């Protein structure tokens, strides 16, 4: 798997993903928005491994 996400983009993905996860955790169990939590976790993972499947399908790089 080749890296296709640049450093700044990776940091933004990690930051936004962690903010989304914190927001979901702050909502509590009663109104826990699962889809936002899943998408936020996916953005954190994409930032850490620096690979985005959508960018790969479009043959783009952000580095």
PDB file of N, CA and C in Angstrom:
ATOM      1  N   UNK A   1       0.847  -1.165   0.000  1.00  0.00           N
ATOM      2  CA  UNK A   1       0.000   0.000   0.000  1.00  0.00           C
ATOM      3  C   UNK A   1       0.900   1.238   0.000  1.00  0.00           C
ATOM      4  N   UNK A   2       0.774   2.053  -1.025  1.00  0.00           N
ATOM      5  CA  UNK A   2       1.611   3.242  -1.122  1.00  0.00           C
ATOM      6  C   UNK A   2       0.937   4.415  -0.413  1.00  0.00           C
ATOM      7  N   UNK A   3       1.745   5.297   0.134  1.00  0.00           N
ATOM      8  CA  UNK A   3       1.208   6.467   0.821  1.00  0.00           C
ATOM      9  C   UNK A   3       0.788   7.510  -0.206  1.00  0.00           C
ATOM     10  N   UNK A   4      -0.431   8.031  -0.058  1.00  0.00           N
ATOM     11  CA  UNK A   4      -0.900   9.048  -0.974  1.00  0.00           C
ATOM     12  C   UNK A   4      -1.450  10.281  -0.251  1.00  0.00           C
ATOM     13  N   UNK A   5      -1.182  10.392   1.029  1.00  0.00           N
ATOM     14  CA  UNK A   5      -1.640  11.522   1.830  1.00  0.00           C
ATOM     15  C   UNK A   5      -0.409  12.255   2.350  1.00  0.00           C
ATOM     16  N   UNK A   6      -0.373  13.559   2.141  1.00  0.00           N
ATOM     17  CA  UNK A   6       0.747  14.378   2.586  1.00  0.00           C
ATOM     18  C   UNK A   6       0.743  14.591   4.089  1.00  0.00           C
ATOM     19  N   UNK A   7       1.800  15.205   4.585  1.00  0.00           N
ATOM     20  CA  UNK A   7       1.964  15.407   6.023  1.00  0.00           C
ATOM     21  C   UNK A   7       0.897  16.337   6.589  1.00  0.00           C
ATOM     22  N   UNK A   8       0.682  17.470   5.953  1.00  0.00           N
ATOM     23  CA  UNK A   8      -0.310  18.425   6.451  1.00  0.00           C
ATOM     24  C   UNK A   8      -1.709  17.818   6.391  1.00  0.00           C
ATOM     25  N   UNK A   9      -2.014  17.141   5.304  1.00  0.00           N
ATOM     26  CA  UNK A   9      -3.318  16.485   5.167  1.00  0.00           C
ATOM     27  C   UNK A   9      -3.488  15.405   6.233  1.00  0.00           C
ATOM     28  N   UNK A  10      -2.449  14.657   6.513  1.00  0.00           N
ATOM     29  CA  UNK A  10      -2.529  13.613   7.539  1.00  0.00           C
ATOM     30  C   UNK A  10      -2.789  14.227   8.914  1.00  0.00           C
ATOM     31  N   UNK A  11      -2.113  15.312   9.226  1.00  0.00           N
ATOM     32  CA  UNK A  11      -2.327  15.970  10.522  1.00  0.00           C
ATOM     33  C   UNK A  11      -3.743  16.527  10.633  1.00  0.00           C
ATOM     34  N   UNK A  12      -4.258  17.072   9.544  1.00  0.00           N
ATOM     35  CA  UNK A  12      -5.639  17.575   9.551  1.00  0.00           C
ATOM     36  C   UNK A  12      -6.641  16.440   9.715  1.00  0.00           C
ATOM     37  N   UNK A  13      -6.393  15.326   9.056  1.00  0.00           N
ATOM     38  CA  UNK A  13      -7.300  14.180   9.193  1.00  0.00           C
ATOM     39  C   UNK A  13      -7.300  13.651  10.622  1.00  0.00           C
ATOM     40  N   UNK A  14      -6.127  13.540  11.225  1.00  0.00           N
ATOM     41  CA  UNK A  14      -6.042  13.052  12.606  1.00  0.00           C
ATOM     42  C   UNK A  14      -6.745  14.016  13.559  1.00  0.00           C
ATOM     43  N   UNK A  15      -6.500  15.313  13.391  1.00  0.00           N
ATOM     44  CA  UNK A  15      -7.096  16.312  14.279  1.00  0.00           C
ATOM     45  C   UNK A  15      -8.613  16.320  14.156  1.00  0.00           C
ATOM     46  N   UNK A  16      -9.119  16.383  12.933  1.00  0.00           N
ATOM     47  CA  UNK A  16     -10.576  16.409  12.736  1.00  0.00           C
ATOM     48  C   UNK A  16     -11.218  15.105  13.204  1.00  0.00           C
ATOM     49  N   UNK A  17     -10.551  13.995  12.976  1.00  0.00           N
ATOM     50  CA  UNK A  17     -11.081  12.717  13.438  1.00  0.00           C
ATOM     51  C   UNK A  17     -11.168  12.629  14.946  1.00  0.00           C
ATOM     52  N   UNK A  18     -10.140  13.116  15.627  1.00  0.00           N
ATOM     53  CA  UNK A  18     -10.160  13.095  17.092  1.00  0.00           C
ATOM     54  C   UNK A  18     -11.210  14.046  17.649  1.00  0.00           C
ATOM     55  N   UNK A  19     -11.398  15.184  16.995  1.00  0.00           N
ATOM     56  CA  UNK A  19     -12.460  16.110  17.411  1.00  0.00           C
ATOM     57  C   UNK A  19     -13.825  15.449  17.250  1.00  0.00           C
ATOM     58  N   UNK A  20     -14.024  14.768  16.132  1.00  0.00           N
ATOM     59  CA  UNK A  20     -15.290  14.065  15.918  1.00  0.00           C
ATOM     60  C   UNK A  20     -15.528  12.975  16.946  1.00  0.00           C
ATOM     61  N   UNK A  21     -14.487  12.225  17.275  1.00  0.00           N
ATOM     62  CA  UNK A  21     -14.633  11.176  18.288  1.00  0.00           C
ATOM     63  C   UNK A  21     -14.908  11.761  19.669  1.00  0.00           C
ATOM     64  N   UNK A  22     -14.253  12.874  19.991  1.00  0.00           N
ATOM     65  CA  UNK A  22     -14.499  13.528  21.282  1.00  0.00           C
ATOM     66  C   UNK A  22     -15.933  14.046  21.355  1.00  0.00           C
ATOM     67  N   UNK A  23     -16.427  14.594  20.244  1.00  0.00           N
ATOM     68  CA  UNK A  23     -17.803  15.085  20.220  1.00  0.00           C
ATOM     69  C   UNK A  23     -18.788  13.941  20.430  1.00  0.00           C
ATOM     70  N   UNK A  24     -18.526  12.818  19.775  1.00  0.00           N
ATOM     71  CA  UNK A  24     -19.401  11.656  19.923  1.00  0.00           C
ATOM     72  C   UNK A  24     -19.372  11.118  21.351  1.00  0.00           C
ATOM     73  N   UNK A  25     -18.210  11.104  21.955  1.00  0.00           N
ATOM     74  CA  UNK A  25     -18.093  10.615  23.327  1.00  0.00           C
ATOM     75  C   UNK A  25     -18.780  11.564  24.303  1.00  0.00           C
ATOM     76  N   UNK A  26     -18.758  12.854  24.011  1.00  0.00           N
ATOM     77  CA  UNK A  26     -19.392  13.830  24.894  1.00  0.00           C
ATOM     78  C   UNK A  26     -20.913  13.764  24.815  1.00  0.00           C
ATOM     79  N   UNK A  27     -21.461  13.246  23.713  1.00  0.00           N
ATOM     80  CA  UNK A  27     -22.909  13.143  23.573  1.00  0.00           C
ATOM     81  C   UNK A  27     -23.501  12.097  24.522  1.00  0.00           C
ATOM     82  N   UNK A  28     -22.695  11.161  24.945  1.00  0.00           N
ATOM     83  CA  UNK A  28     -23.183  10.139  25.866  1.00  0.00           C
ATOM     84  C   UNK A  28     -23.735   8.934  25.141  1.00  0.00           C
ATOM     85  N   UNK A  29     -24.066   7.907  25.883  1.00  0.00           N
ATOM     86  CA  UNK A  29     -24.545   6.652  25.319  1.00  0.00           C
ATOM     87  C   UNK A  29     -25.965   6.762  24.759  1.00  0.00           C
ATOM     88  N   UNK A  30     -26.777   7.595  25.350  1.00  0.00           N
ATOM     89  CA  UNK A  30     -28.176   7.669  24.941  1.00  0.00           C
ATOM     90  C   UNK A  30     -28.317   8.149  23.493  1.00  0.00           C
ATOM     91  N   UNK A  31     -27.601   9.164  23.115  1.00  0.00           N
ATOM     92  CA  UNK A  31     -27.702   9.724  21.771  1.00  0.00           C
ATOM     93  C   UNK A  31     -26.391   9.564  21.012  1.00  0.00           C
ATOM     94  N   UNK A  32     -25.719   8.448  21.178  1.00  0.00           N
ATOM     95  CA  UNK A  32     -24.403   8.250  20.579  1.00  0.00           C
ATOM     96  C   UNK A  32     -24.537   8.100  19.063  1.00  0.00           C
ATOM     97  N   UNK A  33     -23.996   9.055  18.303  1.00  0.00           N
ATOM     98  CA  UNK A  33     -24.100   8.989  16.832  1.00  0.00           C
ATOM     99  C   UNK A  33     -23.038   8.049  16.250  1.00  0.00           C
ATOM    100  N   UNK A  34     -23.443   6.832  15.944  1.00  0.00           N
ATOM    101  CA  UNK A  34     -22.506   5.802  15.525  1.00  0.00           C
ATOM    102  C   UNK A  34     -21.830   6.093  14.186  1.00  0.00           C
ATOM    103  N   UNK A  35     -22.575   6.619  13.234  1.00  0.00           N
ATOM    104  CA  UNK A  35     -21.990   6.873  11.913  1.00  0.00           C
ATOM    105  C   UNK A  35     -20.894   7.933  11.970  1.00  0.00           C
ATOM    106  N   UNK A  36     -21.090   8.965  12.744  1.00  0.00           N
ATOM    107  CA  UNK A  36     -20.058  10.000  12.871  1.00  0.00           C
ATOM    108  C   UNK A  36     -18.840   9.430  13.582  1.00  0.00           C
ATOM    109  N   UNK A  37     -19.054   8.585  14.563  1.00  0.00           N
ATOM    110  CA  UNK A  37     -17.927   7.954  15.263  1.00  0.00           C
ATOM    111  C   UNK A  37     -17.138   7.048  14.322  1.00  0.00           C
ATOM    112  N   UNK A  38     -17.829   6.304  13.466  1.00  0.00           N
ATOM    113  CA  UNK A  38     -17.152   5.406  12.527  1.00  0.00           C
ATOM    114  C   UNK A  38     -16.354   6.212  11.507  1.00  0.00           C
ATOM    115  N   UNK A  39     -16.963   7.278  10.967  1.00  0.00           N
ATOM    116  CA  UNK A  39     -16.252   8.098   9.980  1.00  0.00           C
ATOM    117  C   UNK A  39     -15.065   8.827  10.605  1.00  0.00           C
ATOM    118  N   UNK A  40     -15.209   9.266  11.854  1.00  0.00           N
ATOM    119  CA  UNK A  40     -14.103   9.939  12.530  1.00  0.00           C
ATOM    120  C   UNK A  40     -12.951   8.980  12.786  1.00  0.00           C
ATOM    121  N   UNK A  41     -13.273   7.769  13.199  1.00  0.00           N
ATOM    122  CA  UNK A  41     -12.230   6.761  13.425  1.00  0.00           C
ATOM    123  C   UNK A  41     -11.526   6.417  12.115  1.00  0.00           C
ATOM    124  N   UNK A  42     -12.293   6.383  11.020  1.00  0.00           N
ATOM    125  CA  UNK A  42     -11.699   6.107   9.719  1.00  0.00           C
ATOM    126  C   UNK A  42     -10.725   7.221   9.321  1.00  0.00           C
ATOM    127  N   UNK A  43     -11.078   8.476   9.600  1.00  0.00           N
ATOM    128  CA  UNK A  43     -10.188   9.596   9.267  1.00  0.00           C
ATOM    129  C   UNK A  43      -8.914   9.551  10.103  1.00  0.00           C
ATOM    130  N   UNK A  44      -9.020   9.176  11.365  1.00  0.00           N
ATOM    131  CA  UNK A  44      -7.824   9.043  12.202  1.00  0.00           C
ATOM    132  C   UNK A  44      -6.924   7.944  11.642  1.00  0.00           C
ATOM    133  N   UNK A  45      -7.511   6.822  11.271  1.00  0.00           N
ATOM    134  CA  UNK A  45      -6.717   5.717  10.713  1.00  0.00           C
ATOM    135  C   UNK A  45      -6.060   6.120   9.396  1.00  0.00           C
ATOM    136  N   UNK A  46      -6.792   6.847   8.545  1.00  0.00           N
ATOM    137  CA  UNK A  46      -6.209   7.303   7.280  1.00  0.00           C
ATOM    138  C   UNK A  46      -5.044   8.253   7.527  1.00  0.00           C
ATOM    139  N   UNK A  47      -5.159   9.099   8.528  1.00  0.00           N
ATOM    140  CA  UNK A  47      -4.075  10.021   8.837  1.00  0.00           C
ATOM    141  C   UNK A  47      -2.845   9.316   9.389  1.00  0.00           C
ATOM    142  N   UNK A  48      -3.067   8.284  10.179  1.00  0.00           N
ATOM    143  CA  UNK A  48      -1.937   7.568  10.776  1.00  0.00           C
ATOM    144  C   UNK A  48      -1.187   6.753   9.727  1.00  0.00           C
ATOM    145  N   UNK A  49      -1.917   6.023   8.884  1.00  0.00           N
ATOM    146  CA  UNK A  49      -1.234   5.189   7.893  1.00  0.00           C
ATOM    147  C   UNK A  49      -0.936   5.954   6.603  1.00  0.00           C
ATOM    148  N   UNK A  50      -1.474   7.176   6.483  1.00  0.00           N
ATOM    149  CA  UNK A  50      -1.237   8.078   5.352  1.00  0.00           C
ATOM    150  C   UNK A  50      -1.640   7.453   4.018  1.00  0.00           C
ATOM    151  N   UNK A  51      -2.787   6.788   4.037  1.00  0.00           N
ATOM    152  CA  UNK A  51      -3.333   6.188   2.827  1.00  0.00           C
ATOM    153  C   UNK A  51      -4.840   6.421   2.809  1.00  0.00           C
ATOM    154  N   UNK A  52      -5.341   6.942   1.704  1.00  0.00           N
ATOM    155  CA  UNK A  52      -6.775   7.175   1.540  1.00  0.00           C
ATOM    156  C   UNK A  52      -7.250   6.399   0.318  1.00  0.00           C
ATOM    157  N   UNK A  53      -8.184   5.460   0.480  1.00  0.00           N
ATOM    158  CA  UNK A  53      -8.646   4.678  -0.662  1.00  0.00           C
ATOM    159  C   UNK A  53      -9.377   5.522  -1.709  1.00  0.00           C
ATOM    160  N   UNK A  54     -10.085   6.566  -1.298  1.00  0.00           N
ATOM    161  CA  UNK A  54     -10.782   7.418  -2.264  1.00  0.00           C
ATOM    162  C   UNK A  54      -9.784   8.165  -3.150  1.00  0.00           C
ATOM    163  N   UNK A  55      -8.706   8.665  -2.560  1.00  0.00           N
ATOM    164  CA  UNK A  55      -7.677   9.334  -3.360  1.00  0.00           C
ATOM    165  C   UNK A  55      -7.015   8.340  -4.313  1.00  0.00           C
ATOM    166  N   UNK A  56      -6.848   7.110  -3.862  1.00  0.00           N
ATOM    167  CA  UNK A  56      -6.226   6.085  -4.705  1.00  0.00           C
ATOM    168  C   UNK A  56      -7.129   5.756  -5.892  1.00  0.00           C
ATOM    169  N   UNK A  57      -8.435   5.705  -5.676  1.00  0.00           N
ATOM    170  CA  UNK A  57      -9.350   5.420  -6.791  1.00  0.00           C
ATOM    171  C   UNK A  57      -9.356   6.544  -7.825  1.00  0.00           C
ATOM    172  N   UNK A  58      -9.105   7.780  -7.377  1.00  0.00           N
ATOM    173  CA  UNK A  58      -9.075   8.915  -8.305  1.00  0.00           C
ATOM    174  C   UNK A  58      -7.679   9.198  -8.837  1.00  0.00           C
ATOM    175  N   UNK A  59      -6.703   8.350  -8.458  1.00  0.00           N
ATOM    176  CA  UNK A  59      -5.291   8.509  -8.866  1.00  0.00           C
ATOM    177  C   UNK A  59      -4.750   9.883  -8.502  1.00  0.00           C
ATOM    178  N   UNK A  60      -5.028  10.323  -7.269  1.00  0.00           N
ATOM    179  CA  UNK A  60      -4.563  11.624  -6.771  1.00  0.00           C
ATOM    180  C   UNK A  60      -3.645  11.406  -5.582  1.00  0.00           C
ATOM    181  N   UNK A  61      -2.830  12.424  -5.308  1.00  0.00           N
ATOM    182  CA  UNK A  61      -1.950  12.453  -4.145  1.00  0.00           C
ATOM    183  C   UNK A  61      -2.022  13.835  -3.521  1.00  0.00           C
ATOM    184  N   UNK A  62      -1.880  13.932  -2.225  1.00  0.00           N
ATOM    185  CA  UNK A  62      -1.860  15.235  -1.577  1.00  0.00           C
ATOM    186  C   UNK A  62      -0.479  15.583  -1.045  1.00  0.00           C
ATOM    187  N   UNK A  63       0.489  14.781  -1.366  1.00  0.00           N
ATOM    188  CA  UNK A  63       1.849  15.046  -0.873  1.00  0.00           C
ATOM    189  C   UNK A  63       2.622  15.938  -1.805  1.00  0.00           C
TER     190      UNK A  63
END
